[in-house]
Amino acid sequence: MAKTIRGNKDGQNGENQTYSIPGRGAAIPRRQVVQEVKQGQHPNHAVYERNGQEFVRSKPDAQQQNNVDPDQ
Protein backbone atom coordinates (compact mmCIF):
# COMPACT_ATOMS: atom_id res chain seq x y z
CA MET A 1 0.00 0.00 0.00
CA ALA A 2 1.47 3.31 -1.11
CA LYS A 3 0.86 6.46 0.88
CA THR A 4 2.24 8.58 -1.94
CA ILE A 5 2.04 7.99 -5.67
CA ARG A 6 3.49 10.66 -7.95
CA GLY A 7 2.87 11.05 -11.64
CA ASN A 8 5.98 11.53 -13.77
CA LYS A 9 4.34 13.76 -16.44
CA ASP A 10 6.26 11.84 -19.07
CA GLY A 11 3.59 11.56 -21.76
CA GLN A 12 3.42 13.50 -25.01
CA ASN A 13 1.27 16.29 -23.50
CA GLY A 14 2.52 15.99 -19.93
CA GLU A 15 0.14 13.22 -18.94
CA ASN A 16 1.39 10.47 -16.63
CA GLN A 17 2.52 7.40 -18.52
CA THR A 18 4.50 6.19 -15.49
CA TYR A 19 4.26 6.79 -11.75
CA SER A 20 6.78 6.86 -8.90
CA ILE A 21 6.06 4.96 -5.70
CA PRO A 22 8.62 5.35 -2.89
CA GLY A 23 10.35 2.05 -2.21
CA ARG A 24 9.13 0.48 -5.47
CA GLY A 25 10.60 2.50 -8.27
CA ALA A 26 10.46 5.60 -10.38
CA ALA A 27 8.90 4.33 -13.61
CA ILE A 28 5.96 2.05 -12.87
CA PRO A 29 3.66 1.86 -15.93
CA ARG A 30 0.31 3.67 -15.69
CA ARG A 31 -1.65 0.54 -16.58
CA GLN A 32 -0.07 -1.38 -13.68
CA VAL A 33 -0.73 1.36 -11.11
CA VAL A 34 -4.33 1.79 -12.33
CA GLN A 35 -4.90 -1.95 -11.91
CA GLU A 36 -3.43 -1.93 -8.39
CA VAL A 37 -5.70 0.97 -7.36
CA LYS A 38 -8.75 -0.82 -8.80
CA GLN A 39 -7.81 -3.90 -6.76
CA GLY A 40 -7.76 -1.79 -3.58
CA GLN A 41 -4.01 -1.96 -3.02
CA HIS A 42 -3.74 1.84 -2.62
CA PRO A 43 -6.83 2.98 -0.67
CA ASN A 44 -5.75 6.66 -0.58
CA HIS A 45 -5.95 6.85 -4.38
CA ALA A 46 -8.65 6.60 -7.03
CA VAL A 47 -8.84 5.98 -10.77
CA TYR A 48 -10.36 8.58 -13.06
CA GLU A 49 -10.87 8.63 -16.80
CA ARG A 50 -9.86 11.48 -19.08
CA ASN A 51 -10.21 11.39 -22.84
CA GLY A 52 -10.75 7.64 -22.74
CA GLN A 53 -7.62 6.92 -20.68
CA GLU A 54 -7.49 5.94 -17.01
CA PHE A 55 -5.19 7.73 -14.58
CA VAL A 56 -4.52 7.64 -10.84
CA ARG A 57 -4.97 10.53 -8.43
CA SER A 58 -5.04 10.99 -4.67
CA LYS A 59 -8.30 11.09 -2.76
CA PRO A 60 -8.98 14.27 -0.73
CA ASP A 61 -7.63 14.24 2.81
CA ALA A 62 -8.20 16.31 5.96
CA GLN A 63 -5.63 18.93 4.96
CA GLN A 64 -7.53 21.67 3.10
CA GLN A 65 -4.33 22.95 1.44
CA ASN A 66 -3.87 19.62 -0.36
CA ASN A 67 -7.34 19.50 -1.88
CA VAL A 68 -9.11 21.25 -4.73
CA ASP A 69 -11.70 23.69 -3.41
CA PRO A 70 -15.02 22.97 -5.17
CA ASP A 71 -16.08 26.61 -4.73
CA GLN A 72 -13.24 28.02 -6.84
PDB file of N, CA and C in Angstrom:
ATOM      1  N   MET A   1       0.838  -1.168   0.000  1.00  0.00           N
ATOM      2  CA  MET A   1       0.000   0.000   0.000  1.00  0.00           C
ATOM      3  C   MET A   1       0.888   1.238   0.000  1.00  0.00           C
ATOM      4  N   ALA A   2       0.684   2.085  -0.985  1.00  0.00           N
ATOM      5  CA  ALA A   2       1.470   3.310  -1.107  1.00  0.00           C
ATOM      6  C   ALA A   2       0.725   4.477  -0.484  1.00  0.00           C
ATOM      7  N   LYS A   3       1.429   5.244   0.319  1.00  0.00           N
ATOM      8  CA  LYS A   3       0.856   6.456   0.883  1.00  0.00           C
ATOM      9  C   LYS A   3       0.941   7.587  -0.137  1.00  0.00           C
ATOM     10  N   THR A   4       2.013   7.551  -0.931  1.00  0.00           N
ATOM     11  CA  THR A   4       2.245   8.584  -1.935  1.00  0.00           C
ATOM     12  C   THR A   4       2.519   7.945  -3.289  1.00  0.00           C
ATOM     13  N   ILE A   5       1.794   8.381  -4.286  1.00  0.00           N
ATOM     14  CA  ILE A   5       2.038   7.987  -5.675  1.00  0.00           C
ATOM     15  C   ILE A   5       2.168   9.287  -6.452  1.00  0.00           C
ATOM     16  N   ARG A   6       3.252   9.433  -7.176  1.00  0.00           N
ATOM     17  CA  ARG A   6       3.487  10.659  -7.946  1.00  0.00           C
ATOM     18  C   ARG A   6       3.536  10.350  -9.435  1.00  0.00           C
ATOM     19  N   GLY A   7       2.827  11.169 -10.191  1.00  0.00           N
ATOM     20  CA  GLY A   7       2.872  11.047 -11.642  1.00  0.00           C
ATOM     21  C   GLY A   7       4.146  11.661 -12.176  1.00  0.00           C
ATOM     22  N   ASN A   8       4.712  11.064 -13.211  1.00  0.00           N
ATOM     23  CA  ASN A   8       5.985  11.527 -13.770  1.00  0.00           C
ATOM     24  C   ASN A   8       5.835  12.530 -14.918  1.00  0.00           C
ATOM     25  N   LYS A   9       4.604  12.800 -15.349  1.00  0.00           N
ATOM     26  CA  LYS A   9       4.342  13.761 -16.435  1.00  0.00           C
ATOM     27  C   LYS A   9       5.233  13.499 -17.649  1.00  0.00           C
ATOM     28  N   ASP A  10       5.343  12.234 -18.011  1.00  0.00           N
ATOM     29  CA  ASP A  10       6.264  11.836 -19.072  1.00  0.00           C
ATOM     30  C   ASP A  10       5.577  11.478 -20.388  1.00  0.00           C
ATOM     31  N   GLY A  11       4.312  11.815 -20.515  1.00  0.00           N
ATOM     32  CA  GLY A  11       3.591  11.562 -21.755  1.00  0.00           C
ATOM     33  C   GLY A  11       3.781  12.701 -22.738  1.00  0.00           C
ATOM     34  N   GLN A  12       3.260  12.536 -23.928  1.00  0.00           N
ATOM     35  CA  GLN A  12       3.425  13.504 -25.009  1.00  0.00           C
ATOM     36  C   GLN A  12       2.936  14.900 -24.615  1.00  0.00           C
ATOM     37  N   ASN A  13       1.823  14.990 -23.908  1.00  0.00           N
ATOM     38  CA  ASN A  13       1.272  16.286 -23.504  1.00  0.00           C
ATOM     39  C   ASN A  13       1.384  16.508 -22.000  1.00  0.00           C
ATOM     40  N   GLY A  14       2.315  15.836 -21.359  1.00  0.00           N
ATOM     41  CA  GLY A  14       2.515  15.987 -19.927  1.00  0.00           C
ATOM     42  C   GLY A  14       1.666  15.058 -19.082  1.00  0.00           C
ATOM     43  N   GLU A  15       0.922  14.168 -19.730  1.00  0.00           N
ATOM     44  CA  GLU A  15       0.145  13.216 -18.942  1.00  0.00           C
ATOM     45  C   GLU A  15       1.083  12.173 -18.333  1.00  0.00           C
ATOM     46  N   ASN A  16       0.566  11.456 -17.338  1.00  0.00           N
ATOM     47  CA  ASN A  16       1.388  10.473 -16.631  1.00  0.00           C
ATOM     48  C   ASN A  16       1.328   9.115 -17.324  1.00  0.00           C
ATOM     49  N   GLN A  17       2.410   8.732 -17.940  1.00  0.00           N
ATOM     50  CA  GLN A  17       2.524   7.396 -18.519  1.00  0.00           C
ATOM     51  C   GLN A  17       3.155   6.433 -17.527  1.00  0.00           C
ATOM     52  N   THR A  18       3.920   6.981 -16.571  1.00  0.00           N
ATOM     53  CA  THR A  18       4.495   6.188 -15.490  1.00  0.00           C
ATOM     54  C   THR A  18       4.317   6.957 -14.185  1.00  0.00           C
ATOM     55  N   TYR A  19       4.398   6.220 -13.085  1.00  0.00           N
ATOM     56  CA  TYR A  19       4.264   6.789 -11.750  1.00  0.00           C
ATOM     57  C   TYR A  19       5.442   6.371 -10.896  1.00  0.00           C
ATOM     58  N   SER A  20       5.740   7.172  -9.877  1.00  0.00           N
ATOM     59  CA  SER A  20       6.783   6.860  -8.902  1.00  0.00           C
ATOM     60  C   SER A  20       6.113   6.505  -7.582  1.00  0.00           C
ATOM     61  N   ILE A  21       6.543   5.384  -7.008  1.00  0.00           N
ATOM     62  CA  ILE A  21       6.062   4.963  -5.701  1.00  0.00           C
ATOM     63  C   ILE A  21       7.299   4.737  -4.833  1.00  0.00           C
ATOM     64  N   PRO A  22       7.447   5.508  -3.752  1.00  0.00           N
ATOM     65  CA  PRO A  22       8.624   5.351  -2.892  1.00  0.00           C
ATOM     66  C   PRO A  22       8.807   3.899  -2.442  1.00  0.00           C
ATOM     67  N   GLY A  23      10.028   3.422  -2.590  1.00  0.00           N
ATOM     68  CA  GLY A  23      10.347   2.053  -2.212  1.00  0.00           C
ATOM     69  C   GLY A  23      10.091   1.023  -3.293  1.00  0.00           C
ATOM     70  N   ARG A  24       9.434   1.422  -4.388  1.00  0.00           N
ATOM     71  CA  ARG A  24       9.135   0.482  -5.471  1.00  0.00           C
ATOM     72  C   ARG A  24       9.776   0.847  -6.783  1.00  0.00           C
ATOM     73  N   GLY A  25       9.996   2.123  -7.011  1.00  0.00           N
ATOM     74  CA  GLY A  25      10.603   2.496  -8.274  1.00  0.00           C
ATOM     75  C   GLY A  25      10.093   3.815  -8.791  1.00  0.00           C
ATOM     76  N   ALA A  26      10.758   4.287  -9.847  1.00  0.00           N
ATOM     77  CA  ALA A  26      10.460   5.605 -10.380  1.00  0.00           C
ATOM     78  C   ALA A  26       9.771   5.562 -11.742  1.00  0.00           C
ATOM     79  N   ALA A  27       9.519   4.399 -12.280  1.00  0.00           N
ATOM     80  CA  ALA A  27       8.897   4.334 -13.605  1.00  0.00           C
ATOM     81  C   ALA A  27       7.960   3.131 -13.700  1.00  0.00           C
ATOM     82  N   ILE A  28       6.930   3.136 -12.858  1.00  0.00           N
ATOM     83  CA  ILE A  28       5.958   2.047 -12.872  1.00  0.00           C
ATOM     84  C   ILE A  28       4.878   2.416 -13.905  1.00  0.00           C
ATOM     85  N   PRO A  29       4.604   1.547 -14.862  1.00  0.00           N
ATOM     86  CA  PRO A  29       3.658   1.863 -15.931  1.00  0.00           C
ATOM     87  C   PRO A  29       2.267   2.226 -15.409  1.00  0.00           C
ATOM     88  N   ARG A  30       1.642   3.192 -16.065  1.00  0.00           N
ATOM     89  CA  ARG A  30       0.307   3.666 -15.688  1.00  0.00           C
ATOM     90  C   ARG A  30      -0.683   2.520 -15.590  1.00  0.00           C
ATOM     91  N   ARG A  31      -0.704   1.663 -16.567  1.00  0.00           N
ATOM     92  CA  ARG A  31      -1.647   0.539 -16.584  1.00  0.00           C
ATOM     93  C   ARG A  31      -1.526  -0.319 -15.319  1.00  0.00           C
ATOM     94  N   GLN A  32      -0.300  -0.562 -14.873  1.00  0.00           N
ATOM     95  CA  GLN A  32      -0.071  -1.379 -13.679  1.00  0.00           C
ATOM     96  C   GLN A  32      -0.579  -0.674 -12.419  1.00  0.00           C
ATOM     97  N   VAL A  33      -0.297   0.616 -12.288  1.00  0.00           N
ATOM     98  CA  VAL A  33      -0.729   1.358 -11.107  1.00  0.00           C
ATOM     99  C   VAL A  33      -2.252   1.478 -11.089  1.00  0.00           C
ATOM    100  N   VAL A  34      -2.866   1.719 -12.238  1.00  0.00           N
ATOM    101  CA  VAL A  34      -4.325   1.786 -12.325  1.00  0.00           C
ATOM    102  C   VAL A  34      -4.926   0.465 -11.853  1.00  0.00           C
ATOM    103  N   GLN A  35      -4.389  -0.637 -12.300  1.00  0.00           N
ATOM    104  CA  GLN A  35      -4.903  -1.952 -11.909  1.00  0.00           C
ATOM    105  C   GLN A  35      -4.777  -2.168 -10.401  1.00  0.00           C
ATOM    106  N   GLU A  36      -3.641  -1.781  -9.828  1.00  0.00           N
ATOM    107  CA  GLU A  36      -3.427  -1.926  -8.386  1.00  0.00           C
ATOM    108  C   GLU A  36      -4.434  -1.094  -7.594  1.00  0.00           C
ATOM    109  N   VAL A  37      -4.726   0.121  -8.048  1.00  0.00           N
ATOM    110  CA  VAL A  37      -5.704   0.971  -7.362  1.00  0.00           C
ATOM    111  C   VAL A  37      -7.091   0.339  -7.462  1.00  0.00           C
ATOM    112  N   LYS A  38      -7.449  -0.169  -8.624  1.00  0.00           N
ATOM    113  CA  LYS A  38      -8.748  -0.825  -8.803  1.00  0.00           C
ATOM    114  C   LYS A  38      -8.897  -2.039  -7.892  1.00  0.00           C
ATOM    115  N   GLN A  39      -7.784  -2.719  -7.628  1.00  0.00           N
ATOM    116  CA  GLN A  39      -7.811  -3.895  -6.764  1.00  0.00           C
ATOM    117  C   GLN A  39      -7.785  -3.527  -5.281  1.00  0.00           C
ATOM    118  N   GLY A  40      -7.726  -2.239  -4.973  1.00  0.00           N
ATOM    119  CA  GLY A  40      -7.759  -1.792  -3.585  1.00  0.00           C
ATOM    120  C   GLY A  40      -6.425  -1.792  -2.878  1.00  0.00           C
ATOM    121  N   GLN A  41      -5.330  -1.907  -3.635  1.00  0.00           N
ATOM    122  CA  GLN A  41      -4.008  -1.959  -3.016  1.00  0.00           C
ATOM    123  C   GLN A  41      -3.536  -0.595  -2.517  1.00  0.00           C
ATOM    124  N   HIS A  42      -4.133   0.482  -3.007  1.00  0.00           N
ATOM    125  CA  HIS A  42      -3.741   1.838  -2.621  1.00  0.00           C
ATOM    126  C   HIS A  42      -5.019   2.603  -2.251  1.00  0.00           C
ATOM    127  N   PRO A  43      -5.525   2.421  -1.033  1.00  0.00           N
ATOM    128  CA  PRO A  43      -6.829   2.982  -0.667  1.00  0.00           C
ATOM    129  C   PRO A  43      -6.885   4.511  -0.617  1.00  0.00           C
ATOM    130  N   ASN A  44      -5.759   5.189  -0.598  1.00  0.00           N
ATOM    131  CA  ASN A  44      -5.751   6.656  -0.578  1.00  0.00           C
ATOM    132  C   ASN A  44      -5.797   7.251  -1.983  1.00  0.00           C
ATOM    133  N   HIS A  45      -5.968   6.399  -2.988  1.00  0.00           N
ATOM    134  CA  HIS A  45      -5.954   6.849  -4.379  1.00  0.00           C
ATOM    135  C   HIS A  45      -7.173   6.317  -5.123  1.00  0.00           C
ATOM    136  N   ALA A  46      -7.510   6.990  -6.214  1.00  0.00           N
ATOM    137  CA  ALA A  46      -8.652   6.601  -7.034  1.00  0.00           C
ATOM    138  C   ALA A  46      -8.258   6.653  -8.506  1.00  0.00           C
ATOM    139  N   VAL A  47      -9.034   5.976  -9.329  1.00  0.00           N
ATOM    140  CA  VAL A  47      -8.837   5.976 -10.774  1.00  0.00           C
ATOM    141  C   VAL A  47      -9.866   6.928 -11.383  1.00  0.00           C
ATOM    142  N   TYR A  48      -9.434   7.743 -12.313  1.00  0.00           N
ATOM    143  CA  TYR A  48     -10.359   8.584 -13.057  1.00  0.00           C
ATOM    144  C   TYR A  48     -10.039   8.466 -14.535  1.00  0.00           C
ATOM    145  N   GLU A  49     -11.036   8.746 -15.352  1.00  0.00           N
ATOM    146  CA  GLU A  49     -10.873   8.634 -16.800  1.00  0.00           C
ATOM    147  C   GLU A  49     -10.874  10.028 -17.421  1.00  0.00           C
ATOM    148  N   ARG A  50      -9.944  10.218 -18.339  1.00  0.00           N
ATOM    149  CA  ARG A  50      -9.859  11.480 -19.075  1.00  0.00           C
ATOM    150  C   ARG A  50      -9.543  11.163 -20.526  1.00  0.00           C
ATOM    151  N   ASN A  51     -10.380  11.633 -21.408  1.00  0.00           N
ATOM    152  CA  ASN A  51     -10.206  11.395 -22.842  1.00  0.00           C
ATOM    153  C   ASN A  51     -10.022   9.918 -23.163  1.00  0.00           C
ATOM    154  N   GLY A  52     -10.781   9.077 -22.473  1.00  0.00           N
ATOM    155  CA  GLY A  52     -10.748   7.644 -22.744  1.00  0.00           C
ATOM    156  C   GLY A  52      -9.590   6.892 -22.112  1.00  0.00           C
ATOM    157  N   GLN A  53      -8.741   7.576 -21.337  1.00  0.00           N
ATOM    158  CA  GLN A  53      -7.615   6.920 -20.676  1.00  0.00           C
ATOM    159  C   GLN A  53      -7.797   7.006 -19.164  1.00  0.00           C
ATOM    160  N   GLU A  54      -7.380   5.966 -18.459  1.00  0.00           N
ATOM    161  CA  GLU A  54      -7.493   5.936 -17.011  1.00  0.00           C
ATOM    162  C   GLU A  54      -6.179   6.390 -16.371  1.00  0.00           C
ATOM    163  N   PHE A  55      -6.332   7.209 -15.325  1.00  0.00           N
ATOM    164  CA  PHE A  55      -5.191   7.732 -14.582  1.00  0.00           C
ATOM    165  C   PHE A  55      -5.455   7.568 -13.092  1.00  0.00           C
ATOM    166  N   VAL A  56      -4.421   7.750 -12.291  1.00  0.00           N
ATOM    167  CA  VAL A  56      -4.516   7.644 -10.836  1.00  0.00           C
ATOM    168  C   VAL A  56      -4.360   9.027 -10.229  1.00  0.00           C
ATOM    169  N   ARG A  57      -5.149   9.290  -9.184  1.00  0.00           N
ATOM    170  CA  ARG A  57      -4.974  10.527  -8.429  1.00  0.00           C
ATOM    171  C   ARG A  57      -5.292  10.252  -6.963  1.00  0.00           C
ATOM    172  N   SER A  58      -4.807  11.125  -6.098  1.00  0.00           N
ATOM    173  CA  SER A  58      -5.037  10.995  -4.666  1.00  0.00           C
ATOM    174  C   SER A  58      -6.470  11.366  -4.323  1.00  0.00           C
ATOM    175  N   LYS A  59      -7.008  10.709  -3.295  1.00  0.00           N
ATOM    176  CA  LYS A  59      -8.301  11.095  -2.758  1.00  0.00           C
ATOM    177  C   LYS A  59      -8.090  12.293  -1.833  1.00  0.00           C
ATOM    178  N   PRO A  60      -9.101  13.138  -1.657  1.00  0.00           N
ATOM    179  CA  PRO A  60      -8.978  14.268  -0.732  1.00  0.00           C
ATOM    180  C   PRO A  60      -8.677  13.778   0.684  1.00  0.00           C
ATOM    181  N   ASP A  61      -7.925  14.579   1.422  1.00  0.00           N
ATOM    182  CA  ASP A  61      -7.629  14.244   2.808  1.00  0.00           C
ATOM    183  C   ASP A  61      -8.070  15.388   3.715  1.00  0.00           C
ATOM    184  N   ALA A  62      -7.753  15.313   4.982  1.00  0.00           N
ATOM    185  CA  ALA A  62      -8.199  16.307   5.963  1.00  0.00           C
ATOM    186  C   ALA A  62      -7.467  17.639   5.847  1.00  0.00           C
ATOM    187  N   GLN A  63      -6.393  17.699   5.091  1.00  0.00           N
ATOM    188  CA  GLN A  63      -5.631  18.934   4.956  1.00  0.00           C
ATOM    189  C   GLN A  63      -6.198  19.759   3.807  1.00  0.00           C
ATOM    190  N   GLN A  64      -6.882  20.844   4.119  1.00  0.00           N
ATOM    191  CA  GLN A  64      -7.532  21.671   3.104  1.00  0.00           C
ATOM    192  C   GLN A  64      -6.553  22.137   2.025  1.00  0.00           C
ATOM    193  N   GLN A  65      -5.304  22.442   2.405  1.00  0.00           N
ATOM    194  CA  GLN A  65      -4.325  22.951   1.444  1.00  0.00           C
ATOM    195  C   GLN A  65      -3.958  21.929   0.378  1.00  0.00           C
ATOM    196  N   ASN A  66      -4.204  20.652   0.605  1.00  0.00           N
ATOM    197  CA  ASN A  66      -3.869  19.616  -0.364  1.00  0.00           C
ATOM    198  C   ASN A  66      -4.992  19.333  -1.353  1.00  0.00           C
ATOM    199  N   ASN A  67      -6.172  19.884  -1.109  1.00  0.00           N
ATOM    200  CA  ASN A  67      -7.341  19.499  -1.875  1.00  0.00           C
ATOM    201  C   ASN A  67      -7.826  20.631  -2.774  1.00  0.00           C
ATOM    202  N   VAL A  68      -8.502  20.267  -3.837  1.00  0.00           N
ATOM    203  CA  VAL A  68      -9.105  21.246  -4.732  1.00  0.00           C
ATOM    204  C   VAL A  68     -10.372  21.772  -4.059  1.00  0.00           C
ATOM    205  N   ASP A  69     -10.518  23.074  -4.008  1.00  0.00           N
ATOM    206  CA  ASP A  69     -11.699  23.686  -3.409  1.00  0.00           C
ATOM    207  C   ASP A  69     -12.815  23.708  -4.443  1.00  0.00           C
ATOM    208  N   PRO A  70     -13.942  23.036  -4.179  1.00  0.00           N
ATOM    209  CA  PRO A  70     -15.018  22.972  -5.171  1.00  0.00           C
ATOM    210  C   PRO A  70     -15.675  24.314  -5.426  1.00  0.00           C
ATOM    211  N   ASP A  71     -15.469  25.305  -4.556  1.00  0.00           N
ATOM    212  CA  ASP A  71     -16.080  26.614  -4.730  1.00  0.00           C
ATOM    213  C   ASP A  71     -15.251  27.551  -5.603  1.00  0.00           C
ATOM    214  N   GLN A  72     -14.096  27.132  -6.034  1.00  0.00           N
ATOM    215  CA  GLN A  72     -13.240  28.017  -6.843  1.00  0.00           C
ATOM    216  C   GLN A  72     -13.405  27.738  -8.304  1.00  0.00           C
TER     217      GLN A  72
END
